[in-house]
Amino acid sequence: MTEKTTSERIADISLSLLESQGPDAVTMRRVAGAAGITPMAIYHHYPNREALLDAITSREFEKFLGYIEIRLHSHTKRASIETRLINSMEAYVDYALERPRIFDYIFAQLRPGARRYPEDFRARRSPTLNSVADHVEAAMRDEVLKRDDIWEVALELWALVHGYVTLYRAGRFNLPEQEFRALVRRAIRRMIHGLALK
């Protein structure tokens, strides 16, 4: 196994702080100290705190896509487009519940450089929503969903699941996790069927 570069170690430490204590814990001085370098040396790797947070956010988007891949590969290639679409949305729940502080930072907090609807999404600058949109487009092509604006439908699905996750984490559901997940799956399916061709 190759040894990690100083930049990679800095990113790992920053991510660990973000995950355990939230974004306010990620300071250049604190990360430099944990990495065993001087506070000035960290600026050779990342020009400022925002650049450091952007770097670890980009890494997390890649990790999130891995959650989608795991979900999609848990079924056979012959899984229906509806199942694949539901699985891609359930990956969002997986990520949110397994990495709650990071989820909050990248999906639920105001932060510089965050992608915005419509221009960034329609230009395919969102790796996370791109995947949902691709499944929505396939569902429309296969007439599982009726023809509509692909990005608006993808956004509706994303907002539905995000709303459930936010309410669950705020203690608004008196349900064990597995029952909550089943509830979300039913909600996604209900929305898909509501959009289906008659």
Protein backbone atom coordinates (compact mmCIF):
# COMPACT_ATOMS: atom_id res chain seq x y z
CA MET A 1 0.00 0.00 0.00
CA THR A 2 1.43 3.40 -0.95
CA GLU A 3 1.97 5.94 1.79
CA LYS A 4 -0.48 8.82 1.78
CA THR A 5 0.71 12.25 0.72
CA THR A 6 0.61 15.14 3.17
CA SER A 7 -2.37 16.58 1.26
CA GLU A 8 -4.25 13.30 1.63
CA ARG A 9 -3.45 13.11 5.34
CA ILE A 10 -4.66 16.68 5.81
CA ALA A 11 -7.90 15.82 4.00
CA ASP A 12 -8.35 12.66 6.11
CA ILE A 13 -7.85 14.57 9.37
CA SER A 14 -10.25 17.30 8.23
CA LEU A 15 -12.88 14.74 7.32
CA SER A 16 -12.47 13.01 10.67
CA LEU A 17 -12.97 16.33 12.49
CA LEU A 18 -15.97 17.16 10.33
CA GLU A 19 -17.51 13.76 11.01
CA SER A 20 -16.91 13.78 14.77
CA GLN A 21 -17.43 17.46 15.65
CA GLY A 22 -18.89 19.33 12.68
CA PRO A 23 -17.48 21.95 10.29
CA ASP A 24 -16.54 24.51 12.96
CA ALA A 25 -13.92 22.07 14.25
CA VAL A 26 -12.07 22.15 10.93
CA THR A 27 -9.58 24.98 11.35
CA MET A 28 -6.28 25.28 9.51
CA ARG A 29 -4.31 25.50 12.78
CA ARG A 30 -6.02 22.48 14.33
CA VAL A 31 -5.66 20.33 11.22
CA ALA A 32 -2.00 21.32 10.81
CA GLY A 33 -1.28 20.35 14.42
CA ALA A 34 -2.95 16.96 13.98
CA ALA A 35 -1.00 16.40 10.74
CA GLY A 36 2.30 17.23 12.46
CA ILE A 37 3.08 20.24 10.29
CA THR A 38 3.31 23.94 11.05
CA PRO A 39 0.23 26.15 10.59
CA MET A 40 2.03 27.92 7.72
CA ALA A 41 2.94 24.65 5.97
CA ILE A 42 -0.70 23.65 5.53
CA TYR A 43 -1.15 26.57 3.13
CA HIS A 44 1.26 24.90 0.70
CA HIS A 45 -1.36 22.19 0.28
CA TYR A 46 -4.61 24.15 0.58
CA PRO A 47 -4.69 27.93 0.09
CA ASN A 48 -7.45 28.45 2.66
CA ARG A 49 -10.06 26.68 4.79
CA GLU A 50 -12.69 26.94 2.05
CA ALA A 51 -10.43 25.13 -0.43
CA LEU A 52 -9.79 22.41 2.15
CA LEU A 53 -13.51 21.95 2.82
CA ASP A 54 -14.21 21.94 -0.94
CA ALA A 55 -11.64 19.18 -1.40
CA ILE A 56 -13.12 16.93 1.26
CA THR A 57 -16.64 17.67 0.02
CA SER A 58 -15.65 16.50 -3.47
CA ARG A 59 -14.26 13.31 -1.97
CA GLU A 60 -17.50 12.76 -0.11
CA PHE A 61 -19.59 13.10 -3.26
CA GLU A 62 -17.49 10.30 -4.74
CA LYS A 63 -18.06 8.24 -1.61
CA PHE A 64 -21.81 8.88 -1.84
CA LEU A 65 -21.81 7.59 -5.42
CA GLY A 66 -20.23 4.44 -4.04
CA TYR A 67 -23.27 4.01 -1.79
CA ILE A 68 -25.48 4.17 -4.89
CA GLU A 69 -23.32 1.58 -6.68
CA ILE A 70 -23.53 -0.78 -3.71
CA ARG A 71 -27.32 -0.48 -3.69
CA LEU A 72 -27.60 -0.99 -7.43
CA HIS A 73 -25.31 -4.03 -7.42
CA SER A 74 -27.27 -5.63 -4.60
CA HIS A 75 -29.83 -6.60 -7.25
CA THR A 76 -29.38 -8.41 -10.52
CA LYS A 77 -28.81 -6.55 -13.75
CA ARG A 78 -32.38 -7.51 -14.63
CA ALA A 79 -33.85 -5.52 -11.74
CA SER A 80 -36.69 -3.29 -12.90
CA ILE A 81 -36.03 0.38 -13.52
CA GLU A 82 -38.43 1.11 -10.65
CA THR A 83 -36.30 -0.99 -8.28
CA ARG A 84 -33.12 0.70 -9.50
CA LEU A 85 -34.64 4.14 -9.01
CA ILE A 86 -35.80 3.26 -5.48
CA ASN A 87 -32.37 1.82 -4.66
CA SER A 88 -30.62 4.98 -5.81
CA MET A 89 -32.80 7.00 -3.43
CA GLU A 90 -32.33 4.54 -0.56
CA ALA A 91 -28.58 5.04 -0.91
CA TYR A 92 -29.22 8.63 0.16
CA VAL A 93 -30.82 7.32 3.38
CA ASP A 94 -27.86 4.97 3.92
CA TYR A 95 -25.38 7.81 3.62
CA ALA A 96 -27.39 10.21 5.80
CA LEU A 97 -27.73 7.76 8.67
CA GLU A 98 -24.17 6.44 8.52
CA ARG A 99 -22.41 9.81 8.12
CA PRO A 100 -24.79 12.31 9.74
CA ARG A 101 -22.48 15.29 10.35
CA ILE A 102 -20.94 15.06 6.90
CA PHE A 103 -24.39 14.64 5.38
CA ASP A 104 -25.51 17.81 7.18
CA TYR A 105 -22.54 19.77 5.90
CA ILE A 106 -22.74 18.75 2.27
CA PHE A 107 -26.51 18.47 1.84
CA ALA A 108 -28.25 20.51 4.53
CA GLN A 109 -26.13 23.55 5.36
CA LEU A 110 -25.47 26.78 3.54
CA ARG A 111 -21.90 26.60 2.26
CA PRO A 112 -19.85 28.46 -0.34
CA GLY A 113 -19.74 26.83 -3.74
CA ALA A 114 -22.76 24.58 -3.19
CA ARG A 115 -24.48 23.71 -6.46
CA ARG A 116 -27.79 25.43 -7.14
CA TYR A 117 -30.92 24.60 -9.07
CA PRO A 118 -31.55 25.08 -11.94
CA GLU A 119 -28.31 26.09 -13.66
CA ASP A 120 -25.84 23.75 -11.91
CA PHE A 121 -28.13 20.74 -11.94
CA ARG A 122 -29.25 21.10 -15.55
CA ALA A 123 -25.59 21.52 -16.57
CA ARG A 124 -24.89 18.17 -14.82
CA ARG A 125 -22.58 19.68 -12.23
CA SER A 126 -24.15 17.65 -9.41
CA PRO A 127 -22.67 14.15 -9.32
CA THR A 128 -25.30 13.07 -6.80
CA LEU A 129 -28.41 14.30 -8.61
CA ASN A 130 -27.01 13.27 -12.01
CA SER A 131 -27.43 9.64 -10.99
CA VAL A 132 -31.06 10.17 -9.93
CA ALA A 133 -31.80 12.10 -13.13
CA ASP A 134 -30.31 9.30 -15.23
CA HIS A 135 -32.61 6.77 -13.56
CA VAL A 136 -35.60 9.08 -14.00
CA GLU A 137 -34.75 9.49 -17.69
CA ALA A 138 -34.51 5.71 -18.11
CA ALA A 139 -37.86 5.29 -16.34
CA MET A 140 -39.47 7.78 -18.71
CA ARG A 141 -37.90 6.10 -21.72
CA ASP A 142 -39.24 2.72 -20.57
CA GLU A 143 -42.65 4.32 -19.86
CA VAL A 144 -42.46 3.49 -16.17
CA LEU A 145 -42.89 7.25 -15.62
CA LYS A 146 -44.79 9.55 -17.88
CA ARG A 147 -42.79 12.12 -19.83
CA ASP A 148 -42.04 15.23 -17.79
CA ASP A 149 -39.15 17.50 -16.90
CA ILE A 150 -36.41 15.05 -15.88
CA TRP A 151 -34.63 17.42 -13.50
CA GLU A 152 -37.81 18.53 -11.75
CA VAL A 153 -38.87 14.94 -11.17
CA ALA A 154 -35.38 14.02 -9.91
CA LEU A 155 -35.51 17.01 -7.59
CA GLU A 156 -38.94 15.95 -6.28
CA LEU A 157 -37.64 12.49 -5.42
CA TRP A 158 -34.54 13.94 -3.76
CA ALA A 159 -36.61 16.45 -1.77
CA LEU A 160 -39.02 13.73 -0.66
CA VAL A 161 -36.26 11.54 0.76
CA HIS A 162 -34.34 14.50 2.19
CA GLY A 163 -37.47 15.64 4.01
CA TYR A 164 -38.03 12.21 5.55
CA VAL A 165 -34.38 11.96 6.64
CA THR A 166 -34.42 15.45 8.16
CA LEU A 167 -37.60 14.74 10.11
CA TYR A 168 -36.30 11.36 11.27
CA ARG A 169 -33.05 12.83 12.53
CA ALA A 170 -35.00 15.57 14.31
CA GLY A 171 -36.83 12.88 16.30
CA ARG A 172 -40.19 13.29 14.55
CA PHE A 173 -40.66 9.57 13.92
CA ASN A 174 -41.23 7.10 16.74
CA LEU A 175 -40.04 4.22 14.59
CA PRO A 176 -37.05 1.87 14.67
CA GLU A 177 -34.66 2.48 11.80
CA GLN A 178 -35.83 -0.49 9.72
CA GLU A 179 -39.47 0.61 9.97
CA PHE A 180 -38.46 4.14 9.03
CA ARG A 181 -36.60 2.81 5.98
CA ALA A 182 -39.66 0.77 4.97
CA LEU A 183 -41.81 3.91 5.29
CA VAL A 184 -39.45 5.86 3.02
CA ARG A 185 -39.47 3.04 0.46
CA ARG A 186 -43.28 3.08 0.40
CA ALA A 187 -43.27 6.87 -0.02
CA ILE A 188 -40.86 6.66 -2.97
CA ARG A 189 -42.92 3.90 -4.56
CA ARG A 190 -46.11 5.90 -4.02
CA MET A 191 -44.57 8.93 -5.72
CA ILE A 192 -43.36 6.82 -8.65
CA HIS A 193 -46.81 5.27 -9.08
CA GLY A 194 -48.39 8.69 -8.85
CA LEU A 195 -46.23 9.75 -11.79
CA ALA A 196 -46.85 6.57 -13.75
CA LEU A 197 -48.60 6.31 -17.07
CA LYS A 198 -52.31 5.56 -16.62
